Amino acid sequence: MSQRLSLSATILLALAVALGLYFAFAAVQGPSGILRRIQIESETVELSVQRDKLKSEVQEMQNLTRRMSDEYLDLDLLDEQARKVLGFTRADEVILR
């Protein structure tokens, strides 16, 4: 004795399978899916590296600015910067190009 599904049960089963496939696809490929999460984590790592690089550049610039300030004047740095901007050299210097 074989049992056959009625038409409404077949439609319900097909609809359930289709919804299951849709939600599975959305879980993997959707805007909040697994692949998007991996992409966001990768971007986070790249941006963290870029942020750390920029922080070190800012610290370097703050150090140079402090060394050129009125409270703390580094004469060697001042001499280096002035000669770089003005293009001057001393008589005892050798310039390599």
N, C-alpha and C. Protein backbone atom coordinates (compact mmCIF):
# COMPACT_ATOMS: atom_id res chain seq x y z
N MET A 1 0.83 -1.17 0.00
CA MET A 1 0.00 0.00 0.00
C MET A 1 0.89 1.24 0.00
N SER A 2 0.83 2.02 -1.04
CA SER A 2 1.68 3.19 -1.14
C SER A 2 0.88 4.43 -0.78
N GLN A 3 1.55 5.31 -0.11
CA GLN A 3 0.90 6.56 0.28
C GLN A 3 1.45 7.66 -0.61
N ARG A 4 0.57 8.44 -1.14
CA ARG A 4 0.99 9.57 -1.97
C ARG A 4 0.65 10.84 -1.22
N LEU A 5 1.52 11.82 -1.40
CA LEU A 5 1.26 13.11 -0.77
C LEU A 5 0.20 13.84 -1.57
N SER A 6 -0.62 14.53 -0.86
CA SER A 6 -1.63 15.33 -1.55
C SER A 6 -0.96 16.53 -2.20
N LEU A 7 -1.67 17.20 -3.05
CA LEU A 7 -1.13 18.36 -3.77
C LEU A 7 -0.74 19.47 -2.80
N SER A 8 -1.55 19.74 -1.79
CA SER A 8 -1.25 20.80 -0.83
C SER A 8 -0.02 20.43 0.00
N ALA A 9 0.14 19.17 0.37
CA ALA A 9 1.31 18.75 1.13
C ALA A 9 2.57 18.87 0.27
N THR A 10 2.48 18.55 -1.00
CA THR A 10 3.62 18.68 -1.91
C THR A 10 4.02 20.14 -2.06
N ILE A 11 3.04 21.00 -2.19
CA ILE A 11 3.33 22.44 -2.31
C ILE A 11 3.97 22.96 -1.03
N LEU A 12 3.44 22.55 0.12
CA LEU A 12 4.02 22.97 1.40
C LEU A 12 5.45 22.48 1.55
N LEU A 13 5.71 21.24 1.15
CA LEU A 13 7.06 20.70 1.24
C LEU A 13 8.01 21.46 0.32
N ALA A 14 7.57 21.75 -0.90
CA ALA A 14 8.39 22.51 -1.84
C ALA A 14 8.66 23.91 -1.31
N LEU A 15 7.65 24.54 -0.72
CA LEU A 15 7.81 25.88 -0.15
C LEU A 15 8.79 25.85 1.02
N ALA A 16 8.70 24.84 1.85
CA ALA A 16 9.62 24.71 3.00
C ALA A 16 11.05 24.53 2.52
N VAL A 17 11.24 23.69 1.51
CA VAL A 17 12.58 23.47 0.96
C VAL A 17 13.12 24.76 0.35
N ALA A 18 12.27 25.48 -0.40
CA ALA A 18 12.69 26.72 -1.02
C ALA A 18 13.07 27.76 0.03
N LEU A 19 12.27 27.89 1.09
CA LEU A 19 12.60 28.83 2.17
C LEU A 19 13.89 28.42 2.87
N GLY A 20 14.07 27.13 3.10
CA GLY A 20 15.30 26.66 3.72
C GLY A 20 16.52 26.99 2.87
N LEU A 21 16.40 26.78 1.57
CA LEU A 21 17.52 27.12 0.67
C LEU A 21 17.77 28.62 0.64
N TYR A 22 16.72 29.41 0.65
CA TYR A 22 16.87 30.87 0.64
C TYR A 22 17.60 31.34 1.90
N PHE A 23 17.17 30.86 3.06
CA PHE A 23 17.81 31.29 4.30
C PHE A 23 19.24 30.77 4.41
N ALA A 24 19.51 29.60 3.90
CA ALA A 24 20.89 29.08 3.89
C ALA A 24 21.77 29.95 3.00
N PHE A 25 21.25 30.33 1.84
CA PHE A 25 22.01 31.21 0.94
C PHE A 25 22.24 32.56 1.60
N ALA A 26 21.21 33.12 2.24
CA ALA A 26 21.35 34.42 2.90
C ALA A 26 22.35 34.35 4.05
N ALA A 27 22.41 33.23 4.74
CA ALA A 27 23.35 33.08 5.85
C ALA A 27 24.78 33.07 5.37
N VAL A 28 25.01 32.62 4.15
CA VAL A 28 26.36 32.55 3.61
C VAL A 28 26.71 33.80 2.81
N GLN A 29 25.84 34.23 1.92
CA GLN A 29 26.15 35.28 0.96
C GLN A 29 25.50 36.63 1.28
N GLY A 30 24.59 36.70 2.21
CA GLY A 30 23.82 37.91 2.46
C GLY A 30 24.64 39.03 3.09
N PRO A 31 24.01 40.19 3.31
CA PRO A 31 24.72 41.33 3.88
C PRO A 31 25.23 41.08 5.30
N SER A 32 24.65 40.15 6.00
CA SER A 32 25.12 39.78 7.34
C SER A 32 25.63 38.35 7.35
N GLY A 33 26.01 37.85 6.20
CA GLY A 33 26.41 36.46 6.08
C GLY A 33 27.85 36.21 6.47
N ILE A 34 28.22 34.96 6.36
CA ILE A 34 29.56 34.51 6.76
C ILE A 34 30.64 35.14 5.89
N LEU A 35 30.42 35.19 4.58
CA LEU A 35 31.43 35.76 3.68
C LEU A 35 31.63 37.26 3.95
N ARG A 36 30.54 37.97 4.21
CA ARG A 36 30.66 39.41 4.52
C ARG A 36 31.41 39.62 5.83
N ARG A 37 31.19 38.74 6.79
CA ARG A 37 31.90 38.85 8.07
C ARG A 37 33.40 38.65 7.88
N ILE A 38 33.77 37.66 7.06
CA ILE A 38 35.19 37.43 6.78
C ILE A 38 35.80 38.65 6.10
N GLN A 39 35.07 39.24 5.16
CA GLN A 39 35.54 40.43 4.46
C GLN A 39 35.73 41.59 5.44
N ILE A 40 34.79 41.79 6.34
CA ILE A 40 34.87 42.88 7.32
C ILE A 40 36.06 42.66 8.26
N GLU A 41 36.28 41.43 8.68
CA GLU A 41 37.42 41.14 9.56
C GLU A 41 38.74 41.41 8.85
N SER A 42 38.82 41.09 7.57
CA SER A 42 40.02 41.37 6.79
C SER A 42 40.26 42.88 6.67
N GLU A 43 39.19 43.62 6.41
CA GLU A 43 39.31 45.08 6.32
C GLU A 43 39.71 45.66 7.67
N THR A 44 39.21 45.09 8.75
CA THR A 44 39.56 45.56 10.08
C THR A 44 41.05 45.41 10.35
N VAL A 45 41.61 44.28 9.95
CA VAL A 45 43.05 44.06 10.14
C VAL A 45 43.85 45.07 9.31
N GLU A 46 43.46 45.27 8.05
CA GLU A 46 44.16 46.22 7.19
C GLU A 46 44.08 47.63 7.75
N LEU A 47 42.91 48.03 8.22
CA LEU A 47 42.75 49.37 8.77
C LEU A 47 43.50 49.53 10.09
N SER A 48 43.62 48.48 10.87
CA SER A 48 44.39 48.55 12.11
C SER A 48 45.87 48.77 11.81
N VAL A 49 46.37 48.08 10.80
CA VAL A 49 47.77 48.27 10.40
C VAL A 49 47.98 49.70 9.92
N GLN A 50 47.06 50.20 9.12
CA GLN A 50 47.16 51.57 8.62
C GLN A 50 47.08 52.57 9.77
N ARG A 51 46.19 52.31 10.74
CA ARG A 51 46.07 53.20 11.90
C ARG A 51 47.37 53.24 12.71
N ASP A 52 47.99 52.07 12.92
CA ASP A 52 49.23 52.02 13.68
C ASP A 52 50.34 52.77 12.95
N LYS A 53 50.38 52.65 11.63
CA LYS A 53 51.38 53.38 10.85
C LYS A 53 51.17 54.88 10.98
N LEU A 54 49.92 55.32 10.89
CA LEU A 54 49.63 56.74 11.02
C LEU A 54 49.93 57.25 12.43
N LYS A 55 49.68 56.42 13.45
CA LYS A 55 50.00 56.82 14.82
C LYS A 55 51.50 57.06 14.97
N SER A 56 52.31 56.18 14.37
CA SER A 56 53.76 56.35 14.49
C SER A 56 54.21 57.61 13.75
N GLU A 57 53.59 57.90 12.60
CA GLU A 57 53.93 59.13 11.88
C GLU A 57 53.54 60.36 12.69
N VAL A 58 52.38 60.31 13.34
CA VAL A 58 51.94 61.43 14.17
C VAL A 58 52.90 61.62 15.34
N GLN A 59 53.32 60.53 15.98
CA GLN A 59 54.26 60.64 17.09
C GLN A 59 55.58 61.23 16.63
N GLU A 60 56.03 60.84 15.44
CA GLU A 60 57.28 61.39 14.91
C GLU A 60 57.15 62.89 14.66
N MET A 61 56.01 63.28 14.07
CA MET A 61 55.79 64.71 13.82
C MET A 61 55.66 65.50 15.12
N GLN A 62 55.01 64.91 16.13
CA GLN A 62 54.91 65.58 17.42
C GLN A 62 56.29 65.75 18.05
N ASN A 63 57.14 64.75 17.91
CA ASN A 63 58.50 64.83 18.44
C ASN A 63 59.28 65.94 17.74
N LEU A 64 59.19 65.99 16.40
CA LEU A 64 59.89 67.03 15.67
C LEU A 64 59.35 68.41 16.02
N THR A 65 58.04 68.51 16.17
CA THR A 65 57.43 69.79 16.51
C THR A 65 57.89 70.23 17.90
N ARG A 66 57.92 69.30 18.84
CA ARG A 66 58.37 69.64 20.19
C ARG A 66 59.84 70.07 20.17
N ARG A 67 60.64 69.41 19.36
CA ARG A 67 62.07 69.75 19.30
C ARG A 67 62.30 71.10 18.64
N MET A 68 61.33 71.60 17.88
CA MET A 68 61.47 72.92 17.24
C MET A 68 60.72 74.01 18.02
N SER A 69 60.10 73.66 19.15
CA SER A 69 59.29 74.62 19.89
C SER A 69 60.17 75.56 20.71
N ASP A 70 59.53 76.59 21.26
CA ASP A 70 60.24 77.58 22.07
C ASP A 70 60.72 76.99 23.39
N GLU A 71 59.96 76.03 23.96
CA GLU A 71 60.34 75.46 25.25
C GLU A 71 61.55 74.54 25.14
N TYR A 72 61.71 73.89 24.01
CA TYR A 72 62.79 72.93 23.84
C TYR A 72 63.29 73.07 22.41
N LEU A 73 64.42 73.71 22.25
CA LEU A 73 64.94 73.95 20.91
C LEU A 73 66.17 73.06 20.68
N ASP A 74 66.06 72.17 19.73
CA ASP A 74 67.15 71.28 19.35
C ASP A 74 67.94 71.99 18.24
N LEU A 75 69.10 72.48 18.58
CA LEU A 75 69.88 73.27 17.61
C LEU A 75 70.33 72.44 16.41
N ASP A 76 70.63 71.16 16.62
CA ASP A 76 71.01 70.31 15.50
C ASP A 76 69.86 70.16 14.50
N LEU A 77 68.66 69.94 15.02
CA LEU A 77 67.51 69.82 14.15
C LEU A 77 67.22 71.14 13.44
N LEU A 78 67.32 72.23 14.17
CA LEU A 78 67.10 73.54 13.57
C LEU A 78 68.10 73.79 12.45
N ASP A 79 69.37 73.46 12.69
CA ASP A 79 70.41 73.63 11.68
C ASP A 79 70.12 72.75 10.46
N GLU A 80 69.74 71.50 10.71
CA GLU A 80 69.44 70.58 9.61
C GLU A 80 68.28 71.09 8.76
N GLN A 81 67.21 71.51 9.42
CA GLN A 81 66.04 71.99 8.69
C GLN A 81 66.33 73.27 7.92
N ALA A 82 67.06 74.18 8.54
CA ALA A 82 67.37 75.45 7.87
C ALA A 82 68.24 75.20 6.64
N ARG A 83 69.23 74.31 6.77
CA ARG A 83 70.09 74.05 5.62
C ARG A 83 69.36 73.28 4.53
N LYS A 84 68.40 72.44 4.93
CA LYS A 84 67.61 71.71 3.94
C LYS A 84 66.73 72.67 3.14
N VAL A 85 66.09 73.59 3.84
CA VAL A 85 65.18 74.54 3.18
C VAL A 85 65.97 75.56 2.36
N LEU A 86 67.04 76.08 2.93
CA LEU A 86 67.79 77.14 2.25
C LEU A 86 68.83 76.60 1.27
N GLY A 87 69.19 75.33 1.40
CA GLY A 87 70.16 74.74 0.48
C GLY A 87 71.60 75.11 0.79
N PHE A 88 71.89 75.47 2.02
CA PHE A 88 73.25 75.84 2.41
C PHE A 88 74.04 74.63 2.87
N THR A 89 75.37 74.71 2.69
CA THR A 89 76.28 73.70 3.21
C THR A 89 77.44 74.41 3.87
N ARG A 90 78.10 73.67 4.75
CA ARG A 90 79.30 74.23 5.38
C ARG A 90 80.50 73.87 4.52
N ALA A 91 81.60 74.57 4.74
CA ALA A 91 82.81 74.36 3.94
C ALA A 91 83.42 72.98 4.17
N ASP A 92 83.22 72.41 5.36
CA ASP A 92 83.84 71.12 5.66
C ASP A 92 82.93 69.92 5.32
N GLU A 93 81.83 70.13 4.65
CA GLU A 93 80.89 69.06 4.32
C GLU A 93 81.15 68.53 2.92
N VAL A 94 80.90 67.24 2.76
CA VAL A 94 80.98 66.61 1.45
C VAL A 94 79.55 66.19 1.07
N ILE A 95 79.11 66.58 -0.12
CA ILE A 95 77.75 66.28 -0.55
C ILE A 95 77.79 65.18 -1.59
N LEU A 96 77.00 64.12 -1.35
CA LEU A 96 76.89 63.03 -2.30
C LEU A 96 75.53 63.09 -2.95
N ARG A 97 75.50 63.02 -4.27
CA ARG A 97 74.21 63.08 -4.98
C ARG A 97 73.91 61.75 -5.60
